[in-house]
Amino acid sequence: MYVYAGIDEAGYGPLLGPLVVARFVFAVPNLPGGHDTPIPQLWQRLGKSVCKRISSSQGRVVVNDSKKLKTKAAGIAHLERGVLSFAALAGHHPANVGRWLDIVGETCHRDLANLPWYAPSQQYPWQVLPTAVTPGEIAVARSMLKTTTKHIGIEVADLGAAVIFEDRFNRMVANTRSKASTNFTFVAAHLQSIWQQFGEHDPVVAVDRQSGRTHYREPLAQIFPEALLTVLGESDAQSSYRFTAGQRAMTVTFQTEAESDHMPVALASMMAKYTRELMMQRLNAWFTDRADNLKPTAGYATDGRRFLDEIQPHLADWQITREQLARIS
């Protein structure tokens, strides 16, 4: 069995909202595992039901870098259709956002007392899913994907996401003095999960590179102290490593713009962005309900500062500090 996984994030740079780091794992039962087997070209193999470009979709599910799929016209519809239809292939049918967070393995959403703009309440229950498309559209997309994946022998083996809310993000960045180190902590957790679940199948993992780093041997050795680590190559474009330990093995490549070459990375990117957007919906609803004429924000630098400046006069009345709401890096 060939196990092909991807890891990516959303929300690395914003001032407001969570950082989300996600993984997505395919299994191809009729291919041998290992890095010597050519990586399956999934966009081509799934071409009857999947495509890369919105303009050429013709009813197919669009899978690509999440930044290309959220549009002014469609909002998060393409993200939602893709994420929820692929999740459905693994038997996941979340009724609301809280259940979606359970499915991806996130637990921080169970204690949001310090972040009331996210916390579910009678006034702000978890959003019913789907939010931007209909259940029927998800069902049609799932059926189409199921037919194609079954025919060529591809399965959704696993998916997961870490949602790092502002308070946790700030504590970790303060402790490590590095946003990149904080992000890598959750990349490492996904790598460990893939290793534990699929290490005997010699998985191949692609990770979208962040912050321009090209050398990962030292942090990877700390994550997998029991494994023999071999550097396969390090360059500005990509850095590859191989782990072996008894019957387990895994190949990991950190690559610039990995979501363009690896469908599991593209789906991880979409999952991370979709999950972050669902939480930003909650943040915007909570604050715009309390401040007249306040426009929603995506949370990025310039507009995030605009949003903070406009709510600053109200924070004391709401018993919220600017430091509680804004990320420190």
C-alpha atoms as a PDB file:
ATOM      1  CA  MET A   1       0.000   0.000   0.000  1.00  0.00           C
ATOM      2  CA  TYR A   2       1.336   3.404  -0.990  1.00  0.00           C
ATOM      3  CA  VAL A   3       0.649   6.092   1.648  1.00  0.00           C
ATOM      4  CA  TYR A   4       0.862   9.644   0.355  1.00  0.00           C
ATOM      5  CA  ALA A   5       0.405  12.500   2.836  1.00  0.00           C
ATOM      6  CA  GLY A   6       0.533  16.285   2.877  1.00  0.00           C
ATOM      7  CA  ILE A   7       0.819  18.968   5.560  1.00  0.00           C
ATOM      8  CA  ASP A   8       0.060  22.667   5.210  1.00  0.00           C
ATOM      9  CA  GLU A   9      -1.146  25.626   7.242  1.00  0.00           C
ATOM     10  CA  ALA A  10      -3.397  28.670   7.051  1.00  0.00           C
ATOM     11  CA  GLY A  11      -3.150  31.793   9.152  1.00  0.00           C
ATOM     12  CA  TYR A  12       0.612  31.932   9.563  1.00  0.00           C
ATOM     13  CA  GLY A  13       0.802  35.695   9.049  1.00  0.00           C
ATOM     14  CA  PRO A  14      -2.434  37.323  10.288  1.00  0.00           C
ATOM     15  CA  LEU A  15      -2.823  39.578  13.302  1.00  0.00           C
ATOM     16  CA  LEU A  16      -6.213  38.132  14.244  1.00  0.00           C
ATOM     17  CA  GLY A  17      -7.674  34.634  14.265  1.00  0.00           C
ATOM     18  CA  PRO A  18      -6.172  31.191  14.711  1.00  0.00           C
ATOM     19  CA  LEU A  19      -3.272  29.454  13.040  1.00  0.00           C
ATOM     20  CA  VAL A  20      -4.433  26.122  11.604  1.00  0.00           C
ATOM     21  CA  VAL A  21      -2.024  23.345  10.606  1.00  0.00           C
ATOM     22  CA  ALA A  22      -3.581  20.372   8.804  1.00  0.00           C
ATOM     23  CA  ARG A  23      -2.691  16.967   7.380  1.00  0.00           C
ATOM     24  CA  PHE A  24      -4.347  14.883   4.694  1.00  0.00           C
ATOM     25  CA  VAL A  25      -3.456  11.288   3.872  1.00  0.00           C
ATOM     26  CA  PHE A  26      -4.282   9.135   0.847  1.00  0.00           C
ATOM     27  CA  ALA A  27      -3.730   5.394   0.572  1.00  0.00           C
ATOM     28  CA  VAL A  28      -3.266   3.710  -2.791  1.00  0.00           C
ATOM     29  CA  PRO A  29      -3.750  -0.001  -2.060  1.00  0.00           C
ATOM     30  CA  ASN A  30      -2.592  -1.306  -5.444  1.00  0.00           C
ATOM     31  CA  LEU A  31       0.821   0.441  -5.333  1.00  0.00           C
ATOM     32  CA  PRO A  32       3.838  -0.680  -3.294  1.00  0.00           C
ATOM     33  CA  GLY A  33       4.900   1.725  -0.554  1.00  0.00           C
ATOM     34  CA  GLY A  34       8.160   3.582  -0.356  1.00  0.00           C
ATOM     35  CA  HIS A  35       9.983   6.520  -1.857  1.00  0.00           C
ATOM     36  CA  ASP A  36      11.296   4.418  -4.767  1.00  0.00           C
ATOM     37  CA  THR A  37       7.757   4.184  -6.183  1.00  0.00           C
ATOM     38  CA  PRO A  38       6.917   7.181  -8.388  1.00  0.00           C
ATOM     39  CA  ILE A  39       4.485   9.550  -6.689  1.00  0.00           C
ATOM     40  CA  PRO A  40       1.011   8.960  -8.143  1.00  0.00           C
ATOM     41  CA  GLN A  41      -0.244  11.878 -10.191  1.00  0.00           C
ATOM     42  CA  LEU A  42      -3.577  12.213  -8.418  1.00  0.00           C
ATOM     43  CA  TRP A  43      -4.953  15.198 -10.320  1.00  0.00           C
ATOM     44  CA  GLN A  44      -4.541  13.171 -13.494  1.00  0.00           C
ATOM     45  CA  ARG A  45      -5.788   9.890 -12.031  1.00  0.00           C
ATOM     46  CA  LEU A  46      -8.822  11.572 -10.455  1.00  0.00           C
ATOM     47  CA  GLY A  47      -9.411  13.802 -13.472  1.00  0.00           C
ATOM     48  CA  LYS A  48     -12.989  12.639 -14.043  1.00  0.00           C
ATOM     49  CA  SER A  49     -14.063  14.128 -10.712  1.00  0.00           C
ATOM     50  CA  VAL A  50     -11.259  16.539  -9.690  1.00  0.00           C
ATOM     51  CA  CYS A  51      -9.554  19.514 -11.331  1.00  0.00           C
ATOM     52  CA  LYS A  52      -7.241  22.353 -10.365  1.00  0.00           C
ATOM     53  CA  ARG A  53      -8.958  25.397 -11.842  1.00  0.00           C
ATOM     54  CA  ILE A  54     -12.347  26.867 -10.948  1.00  0.00           C
ATOM     55  CA  SER A  55     -12.828  28.031 -14.534  1.00  0.00           C
ATOM     56  CA  SER A  56     -12.521  24.494 -15.902  1.00  0.00           C
ATOM     57  CA  SER A  57     -14.371  22.604 -13.179  1.00  0.00           C
ATOM     58  CA  GLN A  58     -17.556  21.723 -15.136  1.00  0.00           C
ATOM     59  CA  GLY A  59     -19.033  20.222 -11.979  1.00  0.00           C
ATOM     60  CA  ARG A  60     -15.840  18.578 -10.802  1.00  0.00           C
ATOM     61  CA  VAL A  61     -14.375  19.188  -7.330  1.00  0.00           C
ATOM     62  CA  VAL A  62     -11.672  21.858  -7.435  1.00  0.00           C
ATOM     63  CA  VAL A  63      -8.543  20.996  -5.433  1.00  0.00           C
ATOM     64  CA  ASN A  64      -5.714  23.509  -5.263  1.00  0.00           C
ATOM     65  CA  ASP A  65      -3.867  25.931  -3.029  1.00  0.00           C
ATOM     66  CA  SER A  66      -6.543  27.384  -0.746  1.00  0.00           C
ATOM     67  CA  LYS A  67      -5.510  30.947  -1.618  1.00  0.00           C
ATOM     68  CA  LYS A  68      -6.760  30.306  -5.161  1.00  0.00           C
ATOM     69  CA  LEU A  69     -10.142  28.934  -4.100  1.00  0.00           C
ATOM     70  CA  LYS A  70     -11.585  31.616  -1.840  1.00  0.00           C
ATOM     71  CA  THR A  71     -13.041  34.277  -4.128  1.00  0.00           C
ATOM     72  CA  LYS A  72     -15.195  37.370  -3.713  1.00  0.00           C
ATOM     73  CA  ALA A  73     -17.913  35.785  -5.826  1.00  0.00           C
ATOM     74  CA  ALA A  74     -17.983  32.327  -4.222  1.00  0.00           C
ATOM     75  CA  GLY A  75     -16.585  33.008  -0.752  1.00  0.00           C
ATOM     76  CA  ILE A  76     -15.623  29.687   0.825  1.00  0.00           C
ATOM     77  CA  ALA A  77     -17.946  27.593  -1.349  1.00  0.00           C
ATOM     78  CA  HIS A  78     -15.142  25.881  -3.311  1.00  0.00           C
ATOM     79  CA  LEU A  79     -13.196  25.219  -0.116  1.00  0.00           C
ATOM     80  CA  GLU A  80     -16.247  23.788   1.611  1.00  0.00           C
ATOM     81  CA  ARG A  81     -17.335  21.593  -1.273  1.00  0.00           C
ATOM     82  CA  GLY A  82     -13.858  20.137  -1.632  1.00  0.00           C
ATOM     83  CA  VAL A  83     -13.109  19.627   2.058  1.00  0.00           C
ATOM     84  CA  LEU A  84     -16.459  18.184   3.077  1.00  0.00           C
ATOM     85  CA  SER A  85     -16.787  15.904   0.040  1.00  0.00           C
ATOM     86  CA  PHE A  86     -13.330  14.403   0.602  1.00  0.00           C
ATOM     87  CA  ALA A  87     -14.030  14.111   4.331  1.00  0.00           C
ATOM     88  CA  ALA A  88     -17.225  12.258   3.451  1.00  0.00           C
ATOM     89  CA  LEU A  89     -15.144   9.663   1.601  1.00  0.00           C
ATOM     90  CA  ALA A  90     -13.612   8.826   4.990  1.00  0.00           C
ATOM     91  CA  GLY A  91     -17.069   8.546   6.549  1.00  0.00           C
ATOM     92  CA  HIS A  92     -17.164  12.005   8.136  1.00  0.00           C
ATOM     93  CA  HIS A  93     -20.373  14.007   7.882  1.00  0.00           C
ATOM     94  CA  PRO A  94     -20.119  16.888  10.388  1.00  0.00           C
ATOM     95  CA  ALA A  95     -23.426  18.490  11.274  1.00  0.00           C
ATOM     96  CA  ASN A  96     -21.827  21.645  12.648  1.00  0.00           C
ATOM     97  CA  VAL A  97     -18.493  23.345  13.246  1.00  0.00           C
ATOM     98  CA  GLY A  98     -18.050  21.857  16.702  1.00  0.00           C
ATOM     99  CA  ARG A  99     -18.406  18.371  15.285  1.00  0.00           C
ATOM    100  CA  TRP A 100     -15.962  19.235  12.482  1.00  0.00           C
ATOM    101  CA  LEU A 101     -13.372  20.256  15.085  1.00  0.00           C
ATOM    102  CA  ASP A 102     -13.946  16.943  16.859  1.00  0.00           C
ATOM    103  CA  ILE A 103     -13.399  15.062  13.594  1.00  0.00           C
ATOM    104  CA  VAL A 104     -10.086  16.759  12.844  1.00  0.00           C
ATOM    105  CA  GLY A 105      -8.893  15.978  16.372  1.00  0.00           C
ATOM    106  CA  GLU A 106      -8.909  19.505  17.811  1.00  0.00           C
ATOM    107  CA  THR A 107      -9.796  19.761  21.511  1.00  0.00           C
ATOM    108  CA  CYS A 108      -9.067  23.405  22.401  1.00  0.00           C
ATOM    109  CA  HIS A 109     -12.548  24.404  21.246  1.00  0.00           C
ATOM    110  CA  ARG A 110     -13.975  22.706  24.333  1.00  0.00           C
ATOM    111  CA  ASP A 111     -12.625  25.467  26.584  1.00  0.00           C
ATOM    112  CA  LEU A 112     -13.005  28.905  25.067  1.00  0.00           C
ATOM    113  CA  ALA A 113     -13.892  30.862  28.218  1.00  0.00           C
ATOM    114  CA  ASN A 114     -11.053  33.320  27.557  1.00  0.00           C
ATOM    115  CA  LEU A 115     -12.062  33.732  23.910  1.00  0.00           C
ATOM    116  CA  PRO A 116     -15.808  34.469  24.013  1.00  0.00           C
ATOM    117  CA  TRP A 117     -15.916  35.448  20.343  1.00  0.00           C
ATOM    118  CA  TYR A 118     -15.409  31.778  19.461  1.00  0.00           C
ATOM    119  CA  ALA A 119     -17.274  30.060  22.302  1.00  0.00           C
ATOM    120  CA  PRO A 120     -20.621  28.428  21.420  1.00  0.00           C
ATOM    121  CA  SER A 121     -23.630  29.900  23.196  1.00  0.00           C
ATOM    122  CA  GLN A 122     -27.360  30.208  22.777  1.00  0.00           C
ATOM    123  CA  GLN A 123     -26.831  33.385  20.764  1.00  0.00           C
ATOM    124  CA  TYR A 124     -23.862  31.994  18.812  1.00  0.00           C
ATOM    125  CA  PRO A 125     -24.278  28.234  18.418  1.00  0.00           C
ATOM    126  CA  TRP A 126     -21.848  26.313  16.259  1.00  0.00           C
ATOM    127  CA  GLN A 127     -22.609  27.041  12.608  1.00  0.00           C
ATOM    128  CA  VAL A 128     -24.572  24.309  10.848  1.00  0.00           C
ATOM    129  CA  LEU A 129     -22.577  22.681   8.067  1.00  0.00           C
ATOM    130  CA  PRO A 130     -22.372  23.161   5.191  1.00  0.00           C
ATOM    131  CA  THR A 131     -22.511  26.964   5.330  1.00  0.00           C
ATOM    132  CA  ALA A 132     -21.868  28.048   1.727  1.00  0.00           C
ATOM    133  CA  VAL A 133     -23.154  25.132  -0.375  1.00  0.00           C
ATOM    134  CA  THR A 134     -26.080  22.753   0.053  1.00  0.00           C
ATOM    135  CA  PRO A 135     -25.991  19.255   1.558  1.00  0.00           C
ATOM    136  CA  GLY A 136     -27.121  18.037  -1.839  1.00  0.00           C
ATOM    137  CA  GLU A 137     -24.051  19.538  -3.516  1.00  0.00           C
ATOM    138  CA  ILE A 138     -21.817  17.763  -1.015  1.00  0.00           C
ATOM    139  CA  ALA A 139     -23.653  14.490  -1.613  1.00  0.00           C
ATOM    140  CA  VAL A 140     -23.283  14.783  -5.385  1.00  0.00           C
ATOM    141  CA  ALA A 141     -19.575  15.611  -5.105  1.00  0.00           C
ATOM    142  CA  ARG A 142     -19.019  12.741  -2.667  1.00  0.00           C
ATOM    143  CA  SER A 143     -20.783  10.286  -4.974  1.00  0.00           C
ATOM    144  CA  MET A 144     -18.719  11.424  -7.948  1.00  0.00           C
ATOM    145  CA  LEU A 145     -15.473  11.168  -5.964  1.00  0.00           C
ATOM    146  CA  LYS A 146     -16.430   7.774  -4.557  1.00  0.00           C
ATOM    147  CA  THR A 147     -17.012   6.354  -8.024  1.00  0.00           C
ATOM    148  CA  THR A 148     -13.656   7.596  -9.301  1.00  0.00           C
ATOM    149  CA  THR A 149     -11.565   6.687  -6.261  1.00  0.00           C
ATOM    150  CA  LYS A 150     -13.095   3.221  -6.019  1.00  0.00           C
ATOM    151  CA  HIS A 151     -12.481   2.565  -9.707  1.00  0.00           C
ATOM    152  CA  ILE A 152      -8.777   3.414  -9.546  1.00  0.00           C
ATOM    153  CA  GLY A 153      -8.152   2.231  -5.976  1.00  0.00           C
ATOM    154  CA  ILE A 154      -7.530   5.343  -3.872  1.00  0.00           C
ATOM    155  CA  GLU A 155      -8.745   5.841  -0.299  1.00  0.00           C
ATOM    156  CA  VAL A 156      -8.820   8.734   2.150  1.00  0.00           C
ATOM    157  CA  ALA A 157      -6.823   7.183   4.978  1.00  0.00           C
ATOM    158  CA  ASP A 158      -6.662  10.039   7.488  1.00  0.00           C
ATOM    159  CA  LEU A 159      -7.132  13.754   8.043  1.00  0.00           C
ATOM    160  CA  GLY A 160      -6.522  16.068  10.965  1.00  0.00           C
ATOM    161  CA  ALA A 161      -5.896  19.651  11.997  1.00  0.00           C
ATOM    162  CA  ALA A 162      -4.524  21.637  14.915  1.00  0.00           C
ATOM    163  CA  VAL A 163      -6.293  24.928  15.615  1.00  0.00           C
ATOM    164  CA  ILE A 164      -4.012  27.237  17.564  1.00  0.00           C
ATOM    165  CA  PHE A 165      -6.140  29.998  19.035  1.00  0.00           C
ATOM    166  CA  GLU A 166      -4.707  33.397  19.926  1.00  0.00           C
ATOM    167  CA  ASP A 167      -4.033  32.732  23.605  1.00  0.00           C
ATOM    168  CA  ARG A 168      -2.176  29.489  22.946  1.00  0.00           C
ATOM    169  CA  PHE A 169      -0.355  31.000  19.970  1.00  0.00           C
ATOM    170  CA  ASN A 170       0.874  33.936  22.052  1.00  0.00           C
ATOM    171  CA  ARG A 171       2.079  31.715  24.887  1.00  0.00           C
ATOM    172  CA  MET A 172       4.007  29.481  22.510  1.00  0.00           C
ATOM    173  CA  VAL A 173       5.593  32.344  20.572  1.00  0.00           C
ATOM    174  CA  ALA A 174       6.572  34.045  23.845  1.00  0.00           C
ATOM    175  CA  ASN A 175       8.226  30.821  25.036  1.00  0.00           C
ATOM    176  CA  THR A 176      10.016  30.000  21.776  1.00  0.00           C
ATOM    177  CA  ARG A 177      10.514  33.589  20.564  1.00  0.00           C
ATOM    178  CA  SER A 178       9.746  32.258  17.118  1.00  0.00           C
ATOM    179  CA  LYS A 179       6.559  32.009  15.088  1.00  0.00           C
ATOM    180  CA  ALA A 180       8.287  29.504  12.810  1.00  0.00           C
ATOM    181  CA  SER A 181       9.143  27.239  15.758  1.00  0.00           C
ATOM    182  CA  THR A 182       5.563  27.403  16.970  1.00  0.00           C
ATOM    183  CA  ASN A 183       4.291  26.398  13.545  1.00  0.00           C
ATOM    184  CA  PHE A 184       6.835  23.577  13.287  1.00  0.00           C
ATOM    185  CA  THR A 185       5.646  22.146  16.618  1.00  0.00           C
ATOM    186  CA  PHE A 186       2.356  21.258  14.959  1.00  0.00           C
ATOM    187  CA  VAL A 187       3.965  20.088  11.719  1.00  0.00           C
ATOM    188  CA  ALA A 188       5.989  17.740  13.929  1.00  0.00           C
ATOM    189  CA  ALA A 189       2.848  16.455  15.635  1.00  0.00           C
ATOM    190  CA  HIS A 190       1.343  15.595  12.247  1.00  0.00           C
ATOM    191  CA  LEU A 191       4.534  13.835  11.171  1.00  0.00           C
ATOM    192  CA  GLN A 192       4.470  11.780  14.359  1.00  0.00           C
ATOM    193  CA  SER A 193       0.834  10.860  13.764  1.00  0.00           C
ATOM    194  CA  ILE A 194       1.593   9.698  10.212  1.00  0.00           C
ATOM    195  CA  TRP A 195       4.620   7.750  11.447  1.00  0.00           C
ATOM    196  CA  GLN A 196       2.622   5.997  14.162  1.00  0.00           C
ATOM    197  CA  GLN A 197      -0.342   5.150  11.945  1.00  0.00           C
ATOM    198  CA  PHE A 198       1.389   4.323   8.684  1.00  0.00           C
ATOM    199  CA  GLY A 199       5.114   3.872   9.348  1.00  0.00           C
ATOM    200  CA  GLU A 200       4.994   0.189   8.406  1.00  0.00           C
ATOM    201  CA  HIS A 201       3.769   1.218   4.936  1.00  0.00           C
ATOM    202  CA  ASP A 202       6.722   3.550   4.270  1.00  0.00           C
ATOM    203  CA  PRO A 203       4.684   6.752   3.758  1.00  0.00           C
ATOM    204  CA  VAL A 204       5.784   9.641   1.561  1.00  0.00           C
ATOM    205  CA  VAL A 205       4.984  13.036   3.106  1.00  0.00           C
ATOM    206  CA  ALA A 206       5.138  16.448   1.433  1.00  0.00           C
ATOM    207  CA  VAL A 207       5.155  19.585   3.586  1.00  0.00           C
ATOM    208  CA  ASP A 208       4.717  23.123   2.352  1.00  0.00           C
ATOM    209  CA  ARG A 209       7.819  25.080   3.345  1.00  0.00           C
ATOM    210  CA  GLN A 210       7.525  28.113   5.604  1.00  0.00           C
ATOM    211  CA  SER A 211       9.902  30.953   6.492  1.00  0.00           C
ATOM    212  CA  GLY A 212      12.550  30.011   3.918  1.00  0.00           C
ATOM    213  CA  ARG A 213      14.224  27.341   6.011  1.00  0.00           C
ATOM    214  CA  THR A 214      16.244  24.770   4.053  1.00  0.00           C
ATOM    215  CA  HIS A 215      17.845  22.612   6.789  1.00  0.00           C
ATOM    216  CA  TYR A 216      15.585  20.430   8.946  1.00  0.00           C
ATOM    217  CA  ARG A 217      17.884  17.644  10.090  1.00  0.00           C
ATOM    218  CA  GLU A 218      18.269  18.833  13.677  1.00  0.00           C
ATOM    219  CA  PRO A 219      14.581  19.372  14.537  1.00  0.00           C
ATOM    220  CA  LEU A 220      13.604  16.161  12.731  1.00  0.00           C
ATOM    221  CA  ALA A 221      16.187  14.182  14.704  1.00  0.00           C
ATOM    222  CA  GLN A 222      14.601  15.497  17.899  1.00  0.00           C
ATOM    223  CA  ILE A 223      11.151  14.393  16.758  1.00  0.00           C
ATOM    224  CA  PHE A 224      12.269  10.872  15.841  1.00  0.00           C
ATOM    225  CA  PRO A 225      15.197  10.027  18.137  1.00  0.00           C
ATOM    226  CA  GLU A 226      14.628   6.296  17.617  1.00  0.00           C
ATOM    227  CA  ALA A 227      15.019   6.476  13.838  1.00  0.00           C
ATOM    228  CA  LEU A 228      18.019   6.569  11.538  1.00  0.00           C
ATOM    229  CA  LEU A 229      17.811   9.868   9.667  1.00  0.00           C
ATOM    230  CA  THR A 230      19.282  10.231   6.190  1.00  0.00           C
ATOM    231  CA  VAL A 231      19.459  13.562   4.343  1.00  0.00           C
ATOM    232  CA  LEU A 232      18.405  12.900   0.753  1.00  0.00           C
ATOM    233  CA  GLY A 233      19.018  16.446  -0.380  1.00  0.00           C
ATOM    234  CA  GLU A 234      18.706  20.084   0.688  1.00  0.00           C
ATOM    235  CA  SER A 235      18.230  23.016  -1.669  1.00  0.00           C
ATOM    236  CA  ASP A 236      16.354  26.283  -1.968  1.00  0.00           C
ATOM    237  CA  ALA A 237      13.484  24.465  -3.703  1.00  0.00           C
ATOM    238  CA  GLN A 238      13.131  21.401  -1.505  1.00  0.00           C
ATOM    239  CA  SER A 239      14.722  19.460   1.335  1.00  0.00           C
ATOM    240  CA  SER A 240      14.156  15.707   1.654  1.00  0.00           C
ATOM    241  CA  TYR A 241      14.814  13.263   4.497  1.00  0.00           C
ATOM    242  CA  ARG A 242      14.328   9.564   5.119  1.00  0.00           C
ATOM    243  CA  PHE A 243      13.658   7.852   8.438  1.00  0.00           C
ATOM    244  CA  THR A 244      14.077   4.156   9.147  1.00  0.00           C
ATOM    245  CA  ALA A 245      13.511   2.243  12.391  1.00  0.00           C
ATOM    246  CA  GLY A 246      12.959  -1.512  12.314  1.00  0.00           C
ATOM    247  CA  GLN A 247       9.950  -2.221  10.111  1.00  0.00           C
ATOM    248  CA  ARG A 248       9.086   1.449   9.852  1.00  0.00           C
ATOM    249  CA  ALA A 249      10.230   3.986   7.293  1.00  0.00           C
ATOM    250  CA  MET A 250       9.086   7.406   6.069  1.00  0.00           C
ATOM    251  CA  THR A 251      10.239   9.994   3.551  1.00  0.00           C
ATOM    252  CA  VAL A 252       9.534  13.677   4.225  1.00  0.00           C
ATOM    253  CA  THR A 253      10.044  16.527   1.759  1.00  0.00           C
ATOM    254  CA  PHE A 254       9.728  20.230   2.585  1.00  0.00           C
ATOM    255  CA  GLN A 255       8.999  22.022  -0.669  1.00  0.00           C
ATOM    256  CA  THR A 256       8.161  25.524  -1.796  1.00  0.00           C
ATOM    257  CA  GLU A 257       4.644  25.759  -3.271  1.00  0.00           C
ATOM    258  CA  ALA A 258       4.101  22.082  -2.470  1.00  0.00           C
ATOM    259  CA  GLU A 259       0.350  22.451  -2.871  1.00  0.00           C
ATOM    260  CA  SER A 260       0.874  22.893  -6.629  1.00  0.00           C
ATOM    261  CA  ASP A 261       2.588  19.501  -7.005  1.00  0.00           C
ATOM    262  CA  HIS A 262       1.005  17.357  -4.275  1.00  0.00           C
ATOM    263  CA  MET A 263      -2.746  16.871  -3.953  1.00  0.00           C
ATOM    264  CA  PRO A 264      -2.531  15.860  -0.260  1.00  0.00           C
ATOM    265  CA  VAL A 265      -0.816  19.199   0.470  1.00  0.00           C
ATOM    266  CA  ALA A 266      -3.471  21.082  -1.512  1.00  0.00           C
ATOM    267  CA  LEU A 267      -6.207  19.344   0.496  1.00  0.00           C
ATOM    268  CA  ALA A 268      -4.372  20.079   3.753  1.00  0.00           C
ATOM    269  CA  SER A 269      -4.171  23.721   2.651  1.00  0.00           C
ATOM    270  CA  MET A 270      -7.898  23.723   1.917  1.00  0.00           C
ATOM    271  CA  MET A 271      -8.751  22.072   5.249  1.00  0.00           C
ATOM    272  CA  ALA A 272      -6.634  24.559   7.172  1.00  0.00           C
ATOM    273  CA  LYS A 273      -8.089  27.583   5.351  1.00  0.00           C
ATOM    274  CA  TYR A 274     -11.655  26.309   5.596  1.00  0.00           C
ATOM    275  CA  THR A 275     -11.336  25.680   9.324  1.00  0.00           C
ATOM    276  CA  ARG A 276      -9.795  29.104   9.918  1.00  0.00           C
ATOM    277  CA  GLU A 277     -12.530  30.798   7.861  1.00  0.00           C
ATOM    278  CA  LEU A 278     -15.221  29.100   9.964  1.00  0.00           C
ATOM    279  CA  MET A 279     -13.626  30.502  13.104  1.00  0.00           C
ATOM    280  CA  MET A 280     -13.253  33.965  11.546  1.00  0.00           C
ATOM    281  CA  GLN A 281     -16.992  33.900  10.815  1.00  0.00           C
ATOM    282  CA  ARG A 282     -17.543  33.514  14.552  1.00  0.00           C
ATOM    283  CA  LEU A 283     -15.093  36.265  15.463  1.00  0.00           C
ATOM    284  CA  ASN A 284     -16.666  38.700  13.024  1.00  0.00           C
ATOM    285  CA  ALA A 285     -20.228  37.877  14.081  1.00  0.00           C
ATOM    286  CA  TRP A 286     -19.448  38.435  17.776  1.00  0.00           C
ATOM    287  CA  PHE A 287     -17.743  41.790  17.323  1.00  0.00           C
ATOM    288  CA  THR A 288     -19.934  43.257  14.557  1.00  0.00           C
ATOM    289  CA  ASP A 289     -23.009  42.522  16.666  1.00  0.00           C
ATOM    290  CA  ARG A 290     -21.536  44.679  19.432  1.00  0.00           C
ATOM    291  CA  ALA A 291     -20.042  47.611  17.511  1.00  0.00           C
ATOM    292  CA  ASP A 292     -22.119  49.732  15.157  1.00  0.00           C
ATOM    293  CA  ASN A 293     -20.875  50.019  11.563  1.00  0.00           C
ATOM    294  CA  LEU A 294     -17.920  47.694  12.206  1.00  0.00           C
ATOM    295  CA  LYS A 295     -16.865  45.942   9.014  1.00  0.00           C
ATOM    296  CA  PRO A 296     -15.707  42.301   9.195  1.00  0.00           C
ATOM    297  CA  THR A 297     -12.026  41.511   8.831  1.00  0.00           C
ATOM    298  CA  ALA A 298      -9.961  38.683   7.399  1.00  0.00           C
ATOM    299  CA  GLY A 299      -7.464  39.377  10.181  1.00  0.00           C
ATOM    300  CA  TYR A 300      -4.407  40.262   8.098  1.00  0.00           C
ATOM    301  CA  ALA A 301      -2.028  43.058   9.064  1.00  0.00           C
ATOM    302  CA  THR A 302      -3.443  46.343   7.743  1.00  0.00           C
ATOM    303  CA  ASP A 303      -7.115  45.473   8.014  1.00  0.00           C
ATOM    304  CA  GLY A 304      -6.535  43.650  11.289  1.00  0.00           C
ATOM    305  CA  ARG A 305      -5.106  46.844  12.782  1.00  0.00           C
ATOM    306  CA  ARG A 306      -8.081  48.793  11.399  1.00  0.00           C
ATOM    307  CA  PHE A 307     -10.433  46.344  13.106  1.00  0.00           C
ATOM    308  CA  LEU A 308      -8.552  46.558  16.415  1.00  0.00           C
ATOM    309  CA  ASP A 309      -8.471  50.352  16.324  1.00  0.00           C
ATOM    310  CA  GLU A 310     -12.226  50.537  15.729  1.00  0.00           C
ATOM    311  CA  ILE A 311     -13.101  48.233  18.626  1.00  0.00           C
ATOM    312  CA  GLN A 312     -10.474  49.684  20.997  1.00  0.00           C
ATOM    313  CA  PRO A 313     -12.959  52.113  22.689  1.00  0.00           C
ATOM    314  CA  HIS A 314     -15.248  49.180  23.565  1.00  0.00           C
ATOM    315  CA  LEU A 315     -12.742  46.636  24.867  1.00  0.00           C
ATOM    316  CA  ALA A 316     -12.899  47.741  28.504  1.00  0.00           C
ATOM    317  CA  ASP A 317     -16.713  47.449  28.527  1.00  0.00           C
ATOM    318  CA  TRP A 318     -16.433  43.965  27.017  1.00  0.00           C
ATOM    319  CA  GLN A 319     -13.736  43.026  29.548  1.00  0.00           C
ATOM    320  CA  ILE A 320     -11.328  42.152  26.754  1.00  0.00           C
ATOM    321  CA  THR A 321      -7.758  43.366  26.367  1.00  0.00           C
ATOM    322  CA  ARG A 322      -6.087  44.077  23.047  1.00  0.00           C
ATOM    323  CA  GLU A 323      -3.365  41.586  24.030  1.00  0.00           C
ATOM    324  CA  GLN A 324      -6.013  38.906  24.578  1.00  0.00           C
ATOM    325  CA  LEU A 325      -7.363  39.348  21.069  1.00  0.00           C
ATOM    326  CA  ALA A 326      -4.334  40.149  18.916  1.00  0.00           C
ATOM    327  CA  ARG A 327      -1.457  37.815  18.115  1.00  0.00           C
ATOM    328  CA  ILE A 328       1.985  39.011  19.211  1.00  0.00           C
ATOM    329  CA  SER A 329       3.786  37.920  16.041  1.00  0.00           C
END
